[in-house]
Protein backbone atom coordinates (compact mmCIF):
# COMPACT_ATOMS: atom_id res chain seq x y z
CA MET A 1 -106.74 -55.74 -98.64
CA ARG A 2 -103.31 -54.97 -99.98
CA ARG A 3 -105.31 -53.19 -103.27
CA THR A 4 -106.90 -50.73 -100.38
CA LEU A 5 -103.90 -50.09 -98.54
CA VAL A 6 -101.78 -49.62 -101.73
CA ILE A 7 -104.61 -47.06 -103.24
CA SER A 8 -104.45 -45.42 -99.58
CA ILE A 9 -100.62 -45.27 -99.54
CA VAL A 10 -100.14 -43.67 -103.13
CA GLY A 11 -103.52 -41.43 -102.45
CA LEU A 12 -101.89 -39.86 -99.60
CA LEU A 13 -98.20 -39.31 -101.52
CA THR A 14 -100.54 -37.68 -104.04
CA ALA A 15 -102.77 -35.55 -102.09
CA ALA A 16 -99.07 -34.24 -100.38
CA LEU A 17 -97.28 -33.91 -104.20
CA ALA A 18 -101.03 -31.73 -105.11
CA CYS A 19 -101.08 -29.46 -102.16
CA ALA A 20 -97.16 -29.12 -102.95
CA GLN A 21 -97.18 -28.37 -106.09
CA GLU A 22 -98.57 -25.72 -108.71
CA SER A 23 -100.60 -27.65 -111.12
CA LEU A 24 -102.69 -30.18 -110.86
CA THR A 25 -102.28 -32.87 -113.72
CA LEU A 26 -104.85 -35.20 -114.73
CA GLU A 27 -103.37 -38.29 -113.37
CA ASP A 28 -103.24 -36.72 -110.22
CA ALA A 29 -106.55 -35.95 -110.00
CA LEU A 30 -107.49 -39.35 -110.84
CA ARG A 31 -105.35 -40.69 -107.72
CA LEU A 32 -107.02 -38.19 -105.72
CA ALA A 33 -110.61 -39.62 -106.27
CA LEU A 34 -109.28 -43.30 -105.94
CA GLN A 35 -108.04 -41.78 -102.43
CA ASN A 36 -110.71 -39.27 -101.17
CA ASN A 37 -113.70 -40.04 -103.11
CA GLY A 38 -116.84 -41.75 -101.13
CA LEU A 39 -118.07 -43.82 -103.35
CA ALA A 40 -114.63 -45.58 -104.61
CA ARG A 41 -113.58 -45.97 -100.61
CA ALA A 42 -116.97 -47.76 -99.98
CA ALA A 43 -116.77 -50.27 -103.41
CA LEU A 44 -113.20 -51.05 -101.86
CA ALA A 45 -114.28 -51.80 -98.29
CA ASP A 46 -117.51 -53.88 -100.05
CA ALA A 47 -114.51 -56.18 -101.92
CA ASP A 48 -113.02 -56.49 -98.65
CA ALA A 49 -115.97 -57.67 -96.67
CA ALA A 50 -117.18 -59.45 -99.18
CA ASP A 51 -113.60 -61.44 -99.27
CA ALA A 52 -114.06 -61.96 -95.45
CA ARG A 53 -117.56 -63.78 -96.02
CA LEU A 54 -116.27 -66.12 -98.29
CA ASN A 55 -113.35 -67.26 -95.76
CA ALA A 56 -116.27 -67.57 -93.33
CA ALA A 57 -118.47 -69.79 -95.66
CA ARG A 58 -115.19 -72.18 -96.24
CA ALA A 59 -114.33 -72.07 -92.56
CA ASN A 60 -117.41 -74.54 -91.97
CA LEU A 61 -115.67 -77.26 -94.05
CA TYR A 62 -112.96 -77.81 -91.19
CA PRO A 63 -113.68 -78.92 -87.90
CA SER A 64 -113.66 -76.71 -85.13
CA ILE A 65 -111.50 -77.00 -81.94
CA ASP A 66 -111.43 -75.03 -78.44
CA ILE A 67 -109.52 -75.34 -75.23
CA SER A 68 -111.78 -75.14 -72.41
CA SER A 69 -110.43 -74.61 -68.55
CA SER A 70 -112.72 -74.19 -65.54
CA THR A 71 -112.22 -74.02 -61.64
CA THR A 72 -115.26 -74.18 -58.95
CA ARG A 73 -114.10 -73.78 -55.49
CA THR A 74 -116.98 -74.81 -52.94
CA ARG A 75 -117.56 -73.67 -49.12
CA ILE A 76 -119.41 -75.43 -46.96
CA GLU A 77 -120.21 -74.32 -43.50
CA GLY A 78 -122.24 -76.12 -40.62
CA GLY A 79 -122.22 -77.69 -37.44
CA GLY A 80 -119.34 -75.97 -36.97
CA VAL A 81 -117.11 -77.56 -39.65
CA ASN A 82 -116.17 -76.02 -42.55
CA THR A 83 -114.99 -77.60 -45.69
CA GLU A 84 -113.44 -76.29 -48.78
CA THR A 85 -113.12 -78.39 -52.07
CA THR A 86 -111.96 -76.97 -55.68
CA GLN A 87 -112.64 -78.67 -58.51
CA ARG A 88 -110.62 -78.00 -62.03
CA GLN A 89 -111.39 -79.34 -65.15
CA ASN A 90 -109.08 -78.59 -68.27
CA GLY A 91 -109.65 -80.18 -72.28
CA PHE A 92 -110.01 -80.25 -75.73
CA GLY A 93 -113.20 -80.06 -77.32
CA LEU A 94 -113.57 -81.11 -81.42
CA GLU A 95 -116.67 -80.94 -83.34
CA TRP A 96 -116.76 -81.41 -87.32
CA LEU A 97 -119.76 -81.44 -89.78
CA LEU A 98 -118.52 -84.45 -92.18
CA LEU A 99 -121.81 -84.34 -94.14
CA ASP A 100 -124.84 -82.40 -94.80
CA ASN A 101 -126.41 -83.18 -98.56
CA GLY A 102 -123.61 -80.97 -100.16
CA GLN A 103 -125.48 -77.61 -98.93
CA ARG A 104 -121.90 -76.36 -97.38
CA GLU A 105 -120.44 -76.45 -100.82
CA LEU A 106 -123.14 -74.89 -102.35
CA ARG A 107 -122.69 -72.12 -99.85
CA ILE A 108 -119.45 -72.00 -100.49
CA ARG A 109 -119.91 -71.55 -104.30
CA GLN A 110 -122.23 -68.95 -103.71
CA SER A 111 -120.12 -67.25 -101.44
CA SER A 112 -117.30 -67.21 -104.17
CA ARG A 113 -119.51 -66.10 -107.14
CA SER A 114 -120.75 -63.17 -104.50
CA ALA A 115 -117.37 -62.16 -103.54
CA GLU A 116 -116.33 -62.24 -107.30
CA ALA A 117 -119.66 -60.57 -108.14
CA THR A 118 -118.78 -57.70 -105.76
CA ARG A 119 -115.18 -57.36 -106.99
CA GLN A 120 -116.73 -56.65 -110.26
CA ASN A 121 -119.10 -54.03 -109.07
CA THR A 122 -116.21 -52.39 -107.25
CA ARG A 123 -114.06 -51.93 -110.35
CA GLU A 124 -117.11 -50.98 -111.96
CA THR A 125 -117.82 -48.36 -109.45
CA LEU A 126 -113.91 -47.33 -109.44
CA ARG A 127 -114.01 -46.72 -113.32
CA ARG A 128 -117.39 -44.53 -113.04
CA VAL A 129 -115.63 -42.28 -110.67
CA LEU A 130 -112.66 -42.18 -112.68
CA PHE A 131 -114.41 -41.18 -115.67
CA GLN A 132 -116.56 -38.64 -113.76
CA THR A 133 -113.55 -37.00 -112.28
CA ALA A 134 -111.89 -37.00 -115.45
CA ARG A 135 -114.83 -35.56 -117.26
CA ALA A 136 -115.11 -32.67 -114.53
CA TYR A 137 -111.39 -32.20 -114.74
CA TYR A 138 -111.94 -31.31 -118.90
CA GLU A 139 -114.81 -29.71 -118.09
CA ALA A 140 -112.79 -27.35 -115.81
CA LEU A 141 -110.83 -26.96 -118.50
CA ARG A 142 -113.21 -26.31 -121.13
CA ARG A 143 -114.80 -23.44 -119.24
CA LYS A 144 -111.57 -22.18 -118.37
CA GLU A 145 -110.75 -21.64 -122.07
CA LEU A 146 -114.57 -20.58 -122.93
CA LEU A 147 -113.78 -17.68 -120.64
CA GLN A 148 -110.79 -16.84 -122.04
CA VAL A 149 -112.53 -16.49 -125.52
CA ALA A 150 -114.94 -14.69 -123.54
CA ASP A 151 -112.30 -12.34 -122.28
CA THR A 152 -110.64 -11.76 -125.84
CA ALA A 153 -113.95 -10.80 -127.05
CA VAL A 154 -114.99 -8.10 -124.57
CA ARG A 155 -111.17 -6.74 -125.36
CA ARG A 156 -111.96 -6.93 -129.08
CA ALA A 157 -115.28 -5.08 -128.62
CA GLU A 158 -114.08 -2.20 -126.26
CA THR A 159 -111.34 -1.92 -129.31
CA LEU A 160 -114.18 -1.42 -131.77
CA LEU A 161 -115.99 0.65 -129.85
CA GLU A 162 -113.40 3.19 -129.42
CA VAL A 163 -112.94 3.18 -132.99
CA ALA A 164 -116.69 3.79 -134.11
CA ARG A 165 -116.72 6.91 -131.76
CA ALA A 166 -113.17 7.92 -133.29
CA GLN A 167 -114.59 7.97 -136.56
CA ALA A 168 -118.29 9.24 -135.43
CA GLU A 169 -116.50 12.41 -134.14
CA VAL A 170 -114.92 12.97 -137.69
CA GLY A 171 -118.12 11.98 -139.53
CA ALA A 172 -116.51 8.83 -141.06
CA ALA A 173 -119.41 6.28 -139.57
CA PRO A 174 -122.54 6.86 -138.26
CA GLN A 175 -123.50 7.18 -135.12
CA LYS A 176 -125.82 3.90 -135.49
CA ASP A 177 -122.11 2.00 -136.12
CA VAL A 178 -121.37 3.42 -132.27
CA LEU A 179 -124.52 2.29 -131.08
CA GLN A 180 -124.11 -1.21 -132.50
CA ALA A 181 -120.69 -1.57 -130.91
CA GLU A 182 -122.10 -0.74 -127.83
CA ALA A 183 -124.57 -3.42 -128.08
CA ASP A 184 -122.11 -5.71 -129.06
CA LEU A 185 -119.73 -4.71 -126.05
CA ALA A 186 -122.55 -5.42 -123.38
CA ASN A 187 -123.58 -8.89 -124.92
CA ALA A 188 -119.80 -10.09 -124.71
CA ARG A 189 -119.91 -9.01 -121.12
CA VAL A 190 -122.73 -10.74 -120.43
CA GLN A 191 -121.31 -13.74 -122.45
CA GLN A 192 -118.02 -13.27 -119.67
CA ILE A 193 -119.74 -13.27 -116.72
CA GLN A 194 -121.57 -16.41 -117.45
CA ALA A 195 -118.62 -17.91 -118.59
CA ARG A 196 -116.60 -16.89 -115.31
CA ASN A 197 -119.83 -18.37 -113.38
CA ALA A 198 -119.86 -21.74 -115.57
CA LEU A 199 -115.73 -22.20 -114.81
CA ARG A 200 -116.40 -21.61 -110.76
CA LEU A 201 -119.04 -24.50 -111.36
CA ALA A 202 -117.12 -26.89 -112.69
CA GLU A 203 -114.61 -26.53 -110.13
CA THR A 204 -116.54 -26.87 -107.58
CA ASP A 205 -117.66 -30.16 -109.21
CA LEU A 206 -114.12 -31.31 -109.52
CA LYS A 207 -113.48 -30.63 -106.20
CA ARG A 208 -116.46 -32.54 -104.61
CA LEU A 209 -114.88 -35.85 -106.97
CA ILE A 210 -111.54 -35.59 -105.72
CA GLY A 211 -112.17 -34.39 -101.98
CA TRP A 212 -110.29 -31.06 -102.34
CA ASP A 213 -110.97 -28.71 -99.50
CA ALA A 214 -113.62 -26.60 -100.66
CA LEU A 215 -112.40 -23.33 -99.40
CA GLN A 216 -108.73 -23.60 -101.04
CA PRO A 217 -108.10 -22.84 -104.98
CA LEU A 218 -107.41 -25.54 -107.08
CA PRO A 219 -103.75 -25.38 -109.16
CA ALA A 220 -103.54 -24.50 -112.59
CA LEU A 221 -104.53 -27.79 -114.61
CA ASP A 222 -102.78 -28.95 -117.05
CA ALA A 223 -104.31 -29.54 -120.73
CA PRO A 224 -104.39 -32.89 -121.80
CA ASP A 225 -102.70 -34.09 -125.25
CA ALA A 226 -104.99 -34.56 -128.34
CA ALA A 227 -107.30 -37.27 -128.11
CA PRO A 228 -106.25 -40.44 -130.34
CA ALA A 229 -107.85 -40.47 -133.63
CA PRO A 230 -110.23 -43.06 -134.09
CA ASP A 231 -109.49 -46.12 -135.76
CA PRO A 232 -111.28 -46.31 -139.26
CA SER A 233 -110.97 -49.91 -139.37
CA ILE A 234 -112.16 -50.82 -136.02
CA SER A 235 -116.10 -52.15 -136.35
CA LEU A 236 -118.54 -52.04 -133.67
CA GLU A 237 -118.76 -55.90 -133.69
CA GLN A 238 -115.50 -55.82 -132.85
CA LEU A 239 -115.85 -53.20 -129.90
CA TRP A 240 -118.98 -55.36 -128.71
CA GLN A 241 -117.18 -58.68 -128.43
CA ARG A 242 -113.98 -56.63 -126.37
CA ALA A 243 -116.90 -55.51 -124.12
CA ARG A 244 -118.74 -58.68 -123.23
CA LEU A 245 -115.06 -60.05 -122.48
CA GLN A 246 -113.98 -56.71 -120.49
CA ARG A 247 -117.19 -54.91 -119.19
CA PRO A 248 -117.58 -55.79 -115.33
CA ASP A 249 -121.28 -55.14 -115.09
CA LEU A 250 -121.80 -57.62 -117.70
CA ARG A 251 -119.38 -60.19 -115.82
CA ASN A 252 -121.17 -59.04 -112.50
CA ALA A 253 -124.67 -60.17 -114.10
CA GLU A 254 -123.55 -63.17 -115.68
CA LEU A 255 -122.42 -63.75 -112.03
CA SER A 256 -125.37 -62.76 -110.41
CA LEU A 257 -127.04 -65.61 -112.91
CA GLN A 258 -124.74 -68.26 -111.66
CA ILE A 259 -125.70 -67.39 -108.06
CA SER A 260 -129.40 -67.99 -109.05
CA ARG A 261 -128.62 -70.93 -109.81
CA LEU A 262 -126.89 -72.43 -107.53
CA GLY A 263 -129.59 -71.01 -104.90
CA LEU A 264 -132.29 -73.15 -107.12
CA ASP A 265 -130.11 -76.11 -106.17
CA SER A 266 -130.03 -75.36 -103.03
CA ALA A 267 -133.73 -75.31 -102.58
CA ARG A 268 -134.19 -78.29 -104.70
CA LEU A 269 -131.87 -79.87 -101.97
CA ASN A 270 -133.81 -78.61 -99.08
CA SER A 271 -137.33 -80.29 -100.33
CA LEU A 272 -135.17 -83.90 -100.38
CA ILE A 273 -134.23 -86.01 -97.60
CA ARG A 274 -131.59 -84.16 -95.72
CA LEU A 275 -128.40 -86.44 -94.18
CA GLN A 276 -126.15 -84.84 -91.59
CA ILE A 277 -123.19 -86.77 -90.11
CA SER A 278 -121.26 -84.99 -87.79
CA ALA A 279 -118.31 -85.91 -85.41
CA ARG A 280 -117.90 -84.61 -81.54
CA GLY A 281 -115.27 -85.32 -79.27
CA PHE A 282 -113.61 -84.50 -75.89
CA ARG A 283 -110.00 -84.92 -74.31
CA GLU A 284 -109.82 -84.75 -70.89
CA TYR A 285 -106.64 -83.78 -68.82
CA GLU A 286 -107.77 -82.94 -65.17
CA PRO A 287 -109.19 -84.11 -62.88
CA ASN A 288 -108.84 -87.46 -64.78
CA SER A 289 -107.55 -88.54 -68.53
CA ARG A 290 -110.07 -89.52 -70.29
CA THR A 291 -111.42 -89.43 -73.88
CA GLN A 292 -115.12 -89.11 -75.38
CA GLY A 293 -116.36 -89.11 -78.91
CA SER A 294 -119.58 -89.71 -80.81
CA ILE A 295 -120.73 -89.45 -84.47
CA SER A 296 -124.24 -88.15 -84.86
CA VAL A 297 -126.33 -90.15 -88.34
CA ILE A 298 -129.57 -87.72 -88.86
CA ALA A 299 -132.09 -88.04 -91.55
CA SER A 300 -134.90 -85.73 -91.62
CA TYR A 301 -137.74 -85.18 -94.25
CA PRO A 302 -139.89 -82.24 -94.68
CA LEU A 303 -143.76 -83.82 -94.32
CA PHE A 304 -144.92 -80.61 -93.24
CA ASP A 305 -143.86 -77.07 -92.90
CA GLY A 306 -146.81 -74.53 -93.71
CA GLY A 307 -145.84 -74.63 -97.53
CA LEU A 308 -142.25 -73.08 -96.78
CA THR A 309 -140.03 -75.55 -98.39
CA ARG A 310 -142.53 -75.36 -101.59
CA ALA A 311 -142.51 -71.23 -101.21
CA ASN A 312 -138.71 -70.94 -100.93
CA LEU A 313 -138.16 -73.34 -104.34
CA ARG A 314 -140.68 -71.12 -106.13
CA GLU A 315 -138.80 -68.12 -104.98
CA ALA A 316 -135.29 -69.59 -106.22
CA GLN A 317 -137.17 -70.19 -109.82
CA ALA A 318 -138.35 -66.60 -110.04
CA SER A 319 -135.38 -65.39 -108.54
CA LEU A 320 -133.03 -67.29 -111.49
CA GLN A 321 -135.27 -65.73 -114.28
CA SER A 322 -135.54 -62.70 -112.82
CA ALA A 323 -131.25 -62.67 -113.05
CA GLN A 324 -131.66 -64.33 -116.90
CA PHE A 325 -133.60 -60.95 -117.78
CA ARG A 326 -131.84 -58.92 -115.88
CA LEU A 327 -128.45 -60.25 -118.16
CA GLN A 328 -130.03 -59.83 -121.28
CA GLN A 329 -131.08 -56.21 -120.52
CA ALA A 330 -127.67 -55.27 -119.52
CA GLU A 331 -126.39 -56.75 -122.36
CA ARG A 332 -128.46 -55.02 -124.67
CA ASP A 333 -127.79 -51.87 -122.58
CA ALA A 334 -124.03 -52.30 -122.94
CA TYR A 335 -124.41 -53.07 -127.05
CA ALA A 336 -125.96 -49.42 -127.24
CA GLU A 337 -123.46 -47.87 -124.76
CA VAL A 338 -120.86 -49.22 -127.05
CA GLU A 339 -122.32 -47.85 -130.73
CA SER A 340 -123.56 -44.51 -128.77
CA ALA A 341 -119.70 -44.17 -127.91
CA LEU A 342 -118.25 -45.30 -131.41
CA LEU A 343 -120.36 -42.85 -133.10
CA SER A 344 -119.65 -39.88 -130.59
CA VAL A 345 -115.99 -40.63 -130.92
CA ARG A 346 -116.30 -40.77 -134.35
CA GLU A 347 -118.72 -37.29 -134.67
CA SER A 348 -116.44 -35.50 -132.59
CA ALA A 349 -113.28 -36.44 -134.62
CA GLU A 350 -115.15 -35.10 -137.83
CA ARG A 351 -116.19 -31.96 -135.75
CA LEU A 352 -112.59 -31.20 -134.41
CA GLU A 353 -111.05 -31.30 -137.78
CA ALA A 354 -113.97 -28.86 -139.12
CA SER A 355 -113.65 -26.46 -135.95
CA ARG A 356 -109.81 -25.93 -136.67
CA LEU A 357 -110.85 -24.95 -140.32
CA ALA A 358 -113.76 -22.87 -139.29
CA VAL A 359 -111.28 -21.05 -136.56
CA ALA A 360 -108.54 -20.41 -139.17
CA ALA A 361 -111.08 -19.02 -141.80
CA ALA A 362 -112.61 -17.02 -139.19
CA ARG A 363 -109.46 -15.36 -138.55
CA ARG A 364 -108.33 -14.49 -141.84
CA ASN A 365 -111.79 -12.88 -142.55
CA PHE A 366 -111.53 -10.86 -139.03
CA ASP A 367 -108.33 -10.05 -140.03
CA ALA A 368 -109.23 -9.02 -143.45
CA ALA A 369 -112.19 -6.82 -142.09
CA GLN A 370 -109.94 -4.77 -139.86
CA GLU A 371 -107.56 -4.03 -142.64
CA SER A 372 -110.39 -2.81 -144.62
CA LEU A 373 -111.44 -0.80 -141.86
CA ARG A 374 -108.01 0.78 -141.55
CA GLU A 375 -107.81 1.61 -145.16
CA GLY A 376 -111.18 3.34 -145.05
CA VAL A 377 -113.22 0.65 -146.95
CA GLY A 378 -114.91 -0.98 -144.58
CA THR A 379 -117.55 -0.60 -142.02
CA ILE A 380 -117.49 -1.18 -138.35
CA VAL A 381 -120.47 -3.08 -139.02
CA GLU A 382 -118.74 -5.82 -140.94
CA VAL A 383 -115.98 -6.10 -138.41
CA LEU A 384 -118.30 -6.76 -136.24
CA THR A 385 -119.86 -9.51 -137.71
CA ALA A 386 -116.54 -11.01 -138.48
CA GLN A 387 -115.85 -10.95 -135.03
CA LEU A 388 -118.81 -12.58 -133.97
CA ALA A 389 -118.05 -15.16 -136.46
CA LEU A 390 -114.61 -15.76 -134.81
CA ILE A 391 -115.76 -15.89 -131.57
CA THR A 392 -118.58 -18.60 -132.72
CA ALA A 393 -115.59 -20.20 -134.43
CA GLU A 394 -113.12 -20.39 -131.40
CA THR A 395 -115.94 -21.67 -129.27
CA ASN A 396 -116.75 -24.36 -131.15
CA LEU A 397 -113.31 -25.36 -131.41
CA VAL A 398 -112.80 -25.55 -127.50
CA GLN A 399 -116.31 -27.66 -127.16
CA ALA A 400 -115.00 -29.76 -129.80
CA THR A 401 -111.45 -30.02 -128.45
CA TYR A 402 -112.75 -31.44 -124.82
CA ASP A 403 -115.86 -33.10 -126.54
CA ALA A 404 -113.54 -34.98 -128.30
CA ALA A 405 -111.53 -35.81 -125.18
CA VAL A 406 -114.42 -36.93 -123.09
CA ALA A 407 -115.81 -39.27 -126.13
CA ASP A 408 -112.31 -40.84 -126.25
CA LEU A 409 -112.95 -41.75 -122.36
CA GLN A 410 -116.89 -42.74 -122.81
CA LEU A 411 -115.61 -45.38 -125.99
CA ARG A 412 -112.76 -46.80 -123.22
CA LEU A 413 -115.28 -47.06 -120.64
CA ALA A 414 -118.08 -48.76 -122.50
CA VAL A 415 -115.54 -51.26 -123.96
CA GLY A 416 -114.29 -51.66 -120.83
CA ASP A 417 -110.49 -51.20 -121.69
CA LYS A 418 -108.37 -49.51 -118.70
CA LEU A 419 -108.55 -46.55 -117.65
CA PRO A 420 -106.01 -43.83 -116.80
CA VAL A 421 -104.33 -45.04 -113.04
CA GLU A 422 -106.94 -47.66 -112.63
CA PRO A 423 -105.81 -50.22 -110.49
């Protein structure tokens, strides 16, 4: 409950600051997601409900004490005589289940593990929301930079078209170069339209995740720091061992297995002789002072219940097997996620470095083609070809930059490492 309150306060402050400021950082967006995202809020409420159920189960260990007070007023009329009487009764009552074959303890242990499983599920949900929000934030930045690349490509294409027309008018270039430049400009504008629409879609998705007003524009997004270079010395096995200890979904599967084992123990107890010992007491203060107490001992055995006990036992055994299989599959899935995330981090780092080199080479090539055109030894087609190579290289660099950032987050999610602003 305290964690929910803290997140709510922090989220309200973040929302107020975000609306007032001119930019929205990644951390601000993540805090808004924790505050406003419906899945995150529901997960926190589920954790509070699980804690309440655990407290309710523990309450069965203690006696219940109540106070009672009653007043009865009676009026009798007959034979010219009216009789009124008032009777009051005040007292304390106590009831305590002393022994029940260990069923209460089993239920408490089940509730304890269920509460812990719910907390782990809440943590998993929050982590998924944070990851989705960060990915959407990066996607909006990616689309913004790709739109900038498309805008630059349109301006370059317009400039080249003017040059081609000027050269064609004086006979320095053939008319086909003008047609080629016009086609490239048209294609560049198509790419610009697509990039602009992709940016709108990315911003809409980010608004959805952080609970931003759909009619209000987002503030400027801050470009993130470069993703850290992957540690070449770390192995897949090391990451897997960390994941087994840290991942909330694996812990949740283990707790589900423990809950199923306790359910089987409870079903077996119900098939044996049942013994209950309970104490009751009542202390009356008015109209007379008296004390009444009793101890009940009840032993029972299910001679015939239509097969209910055996059916419950078979159900508990099947549930245990199901939990075992689910844990095995969860471990396989988690291992595959860790391996995939590690490969993605390494691949994106290599691709990012190669993209930087490609952009540098493409810019040199484009500058050289422009210089040749100015000196009269180059052609428009050569410049257009160099421009296309530069646009491709710039696009690849933007893609690789944000793929590396997302891959780093994906690895942290797969291993179970803490995500930014994770409570």
